[in-house]
């Protein structure tokens, strides 16, 4: 399958490489032995690099999920603090006004870093106020812990994002070498037809329809017959 340049999707690159190596097992490859060996090495390197990217992307998704859960816990802690302050006699609609902070709903809409910082400032302002009830003191400490958890989760996400970016750069660099080896093998295989191997290129580089993933055929219902909508799948979605 010919490709026009090195900028192709990783999944397609993996399918192309697997197709070439599968074809190599079904034909005499002695005319392209060295080029094929080089391509096989580059393909193994690319497979390993892509696996690393996939693993790190999985870790990133998990880190983002933990951050989302930490943010939700922070919102709950802020609401609990607001209810405690109302119990101490503060305004029901804007219980944080006396401490220079916006309402709980406004805090929840802030960017994550800004919200965590605002919660820390709110807690410090409350702790400087006397007297406050035991329930309010406990709620303030809970909100502060929740804000710290958000800050830690954000750091983990940032580190995971950096690792994914680095792994993608490595994979893309390997991909350029993969493309060079793929193209070189194609040229040599095409030239081999003049050396007694006319079928070599066709076997190693079959048409696109033989390499691309099979697609489901669209079913057309007869006139007057309605086609039932497909059931929505709850399975994992691949990136």
Protein backbone atom coordinates (compact mmCIF):
# COMPACT_ATOMS: atom_id res chain seq x y z
CA UNK A 1 0.00 0.00 0.00
CA UNK A 2 1.66 3.27 -1.04
CA UNK A 3 1.70 6.16 1.39
CA UNK A 4 2.37 9.75 0.45
CA UNK A 5 4.36 10.89 3.43
CA UNK A 6 5.51 10.12 6.98
CA UNK A 7 2.57 11.92 8.64
CA UNK A 8 0.11 9.07 8.94
CA UNK A 9 -1.91 7.88 11.90
CA UNK A 10 -0.18 5.45 14.28
CA UNK A 11 -2.91 2.81 13.83
CA UNK A 12 -2.47 2.87 10.05
CA UNK A 13 1.31 2.68 10.39
CA UNK A 14 0.97 -0.39 12.60
CA UNK A 15 -1.40 -2.06 10.14
CA UNK A 16 0.90 -1.33 7.22
CA UNK A 17 3.92 -2.73 9.00
CA UNK A 18 2.07 -5.84 10.11
CA UNK A 19 0.84 -6.35 6.55
CA UNK A 20 4.36 -6.09 5.10
CA UNK A 21 5.79 -8.55 7.60
CA UNK A 22 2.89 -10.97 7.12
CA UNK A 23 3.42 -10.84 3.35
CA UNK A 24 7.13 -11.47 3.85
CA UNK A 25 6.33 -14.82 5.43
CA UNK A 26 4.46 -15.92 2.31
CA UNK A 27 7.02 -15.09 -0.37
CA UNK A 28 10.71 -15.46 -1.13
CA UNK A 29 12.28 -12.25 0.18
CA UNK A 30 15.92 -12.97 -0.61
CA UNK A 31 16.08 -10.14 -3.20
CA UNK A 32 15.16 -7.63 -0.45
CA UNK A 33 16.68 -9.38 2.53
CA UNK A 34 18.68 -6.45 3.89
CA UNK A 35 15.96 -3.85 3.36
CA UNK A 36 13.36 -6.13 4.89
CA UNK A 37 15.54 -6.78 7.95
CA UNK A 38 15.98 -3.04 8.41
CA UNK A 39 12.26 -2.42 8.09
CA UNK A 40 11.46 -5.21 10.56
CA UNK A 41 13.77 -3.57 13.11
CA UNK A 42 12.19 -0.16 12.59
CA UNK A 43 8.72 -1.62 12.86
CA UNK A 44 9.57 -3.32 16.15
CA UNK A 45 10.91 -0.01 17.45
CA UNK A 46 7.74 1.77 16.37
CA UNK A 47 5.49 -0.85 17.95
CA UNK A 48 7.37 -0.47 21.24
CA UNK A 49 7.21 3.33 21.06
CA UNK A 50 3.49 3.28 20.36
CA UNK A 51 2.89 0.88 23.25
CA UNK A 52 4.69 3.31 25.51
CA UNK A 53 2.48 6.14 24.29
CA UNK A 54 -0.63 4.04 24.83
CA UNK A 55 0.41 3.11 28.37
CA UNK A 56 1.20 6.72 29.30
CA UNK A 57 -2.05 7.96 27.76
CA UNK A 58 -3.88 5.45 29.94
CA UNK A 59 -2.08 6.83 32.99
CA UNK A 60 -3.00 10.36 31.92
CA UNK A 61 -6.67 9.46 31.65
CA UNK A 62 -6.53 7.95 35.13
CA UNK A 63 -4.82 11.08 36.51
CA UNK A 64 -7.46 13.29 34.94
CA UNK A 65 -10.21 11.12 36.39
CA UNK A 66 -8.66 11.46 39.86
CA UNK A 67 -8.45 15.23 39.37
CA UNK A 68 -12.11 15.36 38.42
CA UNK A 69 -13.02 13.36 41.52
CA UNK A 70 -10.87 15.63 43.69
CA UNK A 71 -12.57 18.70 42.23
CA UNK A 72 -16.00 17.22 42.97
CA UNK A 73 -14.90 16.48 46.54
CA UNK A 74 -13.68 20.07 46.87
CA UNK A 75 -17.06 21.41 45.72
CA UNK A 76 -18.79 19.21 48.30
CA UNK A 77 -16.41 20.44 51.02
CA UNK A 78 -17.10 24.07 50.10
CA UNK A 79 -20.85 23.43 50.31
CA UNK A 80 -20.40 21.82 53.73
CA UNK A 81 -18.42 24.85 54.86
CA UNK A 82 -21.14 27.18 53.61
CA UNK A 83 -23.80 25.26 55.55
CA UNK A 84 -21.67 25.39 58.69
CA UNK A 85 -21.27 29.15 58.37
CA UNK A 86 -25.01 29.59 57.95
CA UNK A 87 -25.38 27.66 61.20
CA UNK A 88 -23.06 30.26 62.77
CA UNK A 89 -25.38 33.03 61.63
CA UNK A 90 -23.88 34.08 58.30
CA UNK A 91 -26.04 34.96 55.31
CA UNK A 92 -27.69 31.98 53.69
CA UNK A 93 -27.30 33.16 50.08
CA UNK A 94 -23.74 34.45 50.37
CA UNK A 95 -22.19 32.91 53.47
CA UNK A 96 -18.62 33.80 52.38
CA UNK A 97 -19.23 37.56 51.95
CA UNK A 98 -17.76 38.44 55.34
CA UNK A 99 -14.52 36.73 54.33
CA UNK A 100 -14.12 38.39 50.94
CA UNK A 101 -14.97 35.28 48.94
CA UNK A 102 -17.65 34.70 46.32
CA UNK A 103 -20.58 32.32 46.67
CA UNK A 104 -20.05 28.52 46.58
CA UNK A 105 -21.54 28.31 43.09
CA UNK A 106 -19.18 31.02 41.83
CA UNK A 107 -16.20 29.23 43.39
CA UNK A 108 -17.20 26.00 41.69
CA UNK A 109 -17.10 27.70 38.28
CA UNK A 110 -13.55 28.99 38.67
CA UNK A 111 -10.62 27.29 36.90
CA UNK A 112 -9.25 24.48 39.03
CA UNK A 113 -6.10 26.25 40.18
CA UNK A 114 -7.99 29.47 40.93
CA UNK A 115 -10.67 27.61 42.86
CA UNK A 116 -8.15 25.76 45.03
CA UNK A 117 -6.31 29.02 45.76
CA UNK A 118 -9.56 30.80 46.60
CA UNK A 119 -10.57 28.00 48.98
CA UNK A 120 -7.22 28.25 50.78
CA UNK A 121 -7.67 32.01 51.17
CA UNK A 122 -11.23 31.54 52.39
CA UNK A 123 -10.15 29.02 55.01
CA UNK A 124 -7.38 31.30 56.25
CA UNK A 125 -9.84 34.19 56.54
CA UNK A 126 -12.29 32.03 58.47
CA UNK A 127 -9.62 30.74 60.85
CA UNK A 128 -8.68 34.33 61.71
CA UNK A 129 -12.27 35.03 62.70
CA UNK A 130 -13.34 34.43 66.25
CA UNK A 131 -15.43 32.90 67.47
CA UNK A 132 -16.41 30.12 65.08
CA UNK A 133 -18.26 26.95 65.95
CA UNK A 134 -16.71 23.49 66.12
CA UNK A 135 -18.67 22.40 63.05
CA UNK A 136 -17.38 25.38 61.07
CA UNK A 137 -13.81 24.72 62.18
CA UNK A 138 -14.03 21.10 61.06
CA UNK A 139 -15.64 22.07 57.75
CA UNK A 140 -12.90 24.65 57.13
CA UNK A 141 -10.19 22.05 57.68
CA UNK A 142 -12.03 19.65 55.38
CA UNK A 143 -12.25 22.29 52.63
CA UNK A 144 -8.55 23.05 53.01
CA UNK A 145 -7.66 19.35 52.70
CA UNK A 146 -9.86 19.06 49.63
CA UNK A 147 -8.16 22.06 48.02
CA UNK A 148 -4.74 20.56 48.72
CA UNK A 149 -5.86 17.29 47.15
CA UNK A 150 -6.89 19.19 44.01
CA UNK A 151 -3.48 20.89 43.87
CA UNK A 152 -1.69 17.53 44.16
CA UNK A 153 -3.93 15.98 41.50
CA UNK A 154 -3.20 18.88 39.15
CA UNK A 155 0.54 18.32 39.56
CA UNK A 156 0.10 14.63 38.75
CA UNK A 157 -1.86 15.52 35.60
CA UNK A 158 0.78 18.02 34.50
CA UNK A 159 3.53 15.44 34.95
CA UNK A 160 1.50 12.80 33.09
CA UNK A 161 0.88 15.23 30.24
CA UNK A 162 4.61 15.97 30.01
CA UNK A 163 5.41 12.25 29.86
CA UNK A 164 2.85 11.71 27.10
CA UNK A 165 4.26 14.61 25.06
CA UNK A 166 7.78 13.23 25.40
CA UNK A 167 6.66 9.72 24.42
CA UNK A 168 4.82 11.06 21.39
CA UNK A 169 7.90 12.96 20.27
CA UNK A 170 9.96 9.80 20.58
CA UNK A 171 7.36 7.78 18.69
CA UNK A 172 7.16 10.37 15.92
CA UNK A 173 10.95 10.37 15.56
CA UNK A 174 10.89 6.58 15.28
CA UNK A 175 8.03 6.96 12.81
CA UNK A 176 10.19 9.01 10.49
CA UNK A 177 12.81 6.26 10.48
CA UNK A 178 10.03 3.72 9.95
CA UNK A 179 8.80 5.64 6.92
CA UNK A 180 12.28 5.83 5.42
CA UNK A 181 12.73 2.07 5.81
CA UNK A 182 9.24 1.41 4.44
CA UNK A 183 9.84 3.52 1.34
CA UNK A 184 13.28 2.00 0.76
CA UNK A 185 11.85 -1.51 0.98
CA UNK A 186 9.14 -0.57 -1.49
CA UNK A 187 11.65 0.73 -4.02
CA UNK A 188 13.81 -2.38 -3.79
CA UNK A 189 10.79 -4.70 -3.95
CA UNK A 190 9.54 -2.89 -7.05
CA UNK A 191 12.95 -3.20 -8.70
CA UNK A 192 13.08 -6.92 -7.86
CA UNK A 193 10.53 -7.71 -10.54
CA UNK A 194 13.38 -7.26 -13.03
CA UNK A 195 15.42 -9.80 -11.09
CA UNK A 196 13.02 -12.71 -11.24
CA UNK A 197 10.63 -11.75 -8.45
CA UNK A 198 7.69 -10.08 -10.24
CA UNK A 199 5.19 -10.82 -7.46
CA UNK A 200 7.30 -9.59 -4.53
CA UNK A 201 6.11 -5.99 -4.45
CA UNK A 202 2.45 -6.94 -4.82
CA UNK A 203 2.66 -9.39 -1.92
CA UNK A 204 4.51 -7.05 0.42
CA UNK A 205 2.50 -3.97 -0.53
CA UNK A 206 -1.06 -5.07 -1.35
CA UNK A 207 -3.78 -2.59 -2.32
CA UNK A 208 -5.24 -0.41 0.40
CA UNK A 209 -8.46 -2.42 0.55
CA UNK A 210 -6.48 -5.46 1.68
CA UNK A 211 -4.76 -3.61 4.51
CA UNK A 212 -7.37 -1.24 5.90
CA UNK A 213 -9.69 -2.51 8.59
CA UNK A 214 -12.89 -3.99 7.25
CA UNK A 215 -15.94 -1.79 7.51
CA UNK A 216 -19.45 -3.03 8.11
CA UNK A 217 -21.61 -2.94 5.03
CA UNK A 218 -24.57 -0.62 5.17
CA UNK A 219 -27.85 -2.54 5.14
CA UNK A 220 -30.51 -0.93 2.99
CA UNK A 221 -34.03 -1.86 4.01
CA UNK A 222 -36.59 -2.69 1.31
CA UNK A 223 -39.18 -0.02 0.51
CA UNK A 224 -41.80 0.25 3.22
CA UNK A 225 -39.69 -1.54 5.83
CA UNK A 226 -38.14 0.55 8.56
CA UNK A 227 -34.60 -0.24 9.66
CA UNK A 228 -34.10 -0.59 13.41
CA UNK A 229 -31.60 1.81 14.91
CA UNK A 230 -28.44 0.14 16.22
CA UNK A 231 -28.12 -0.35 19.93
CA UNK A 232 -25.71 2.12 21.55
CA UNK A 233 -22.62 0.40 22.83
CA UNK A 234 -21.25 1.15 26.28
CA UNK A 235 -17.82 -0.27 25.49
CA UNK A 236 -14.55 1.66 25.63
CA UNK A 237 -13.89 4.27 23.01
CA UNK A 238 -10.44 4.15 21.43
CA UNK A 239 -8.55 7.35 20.76
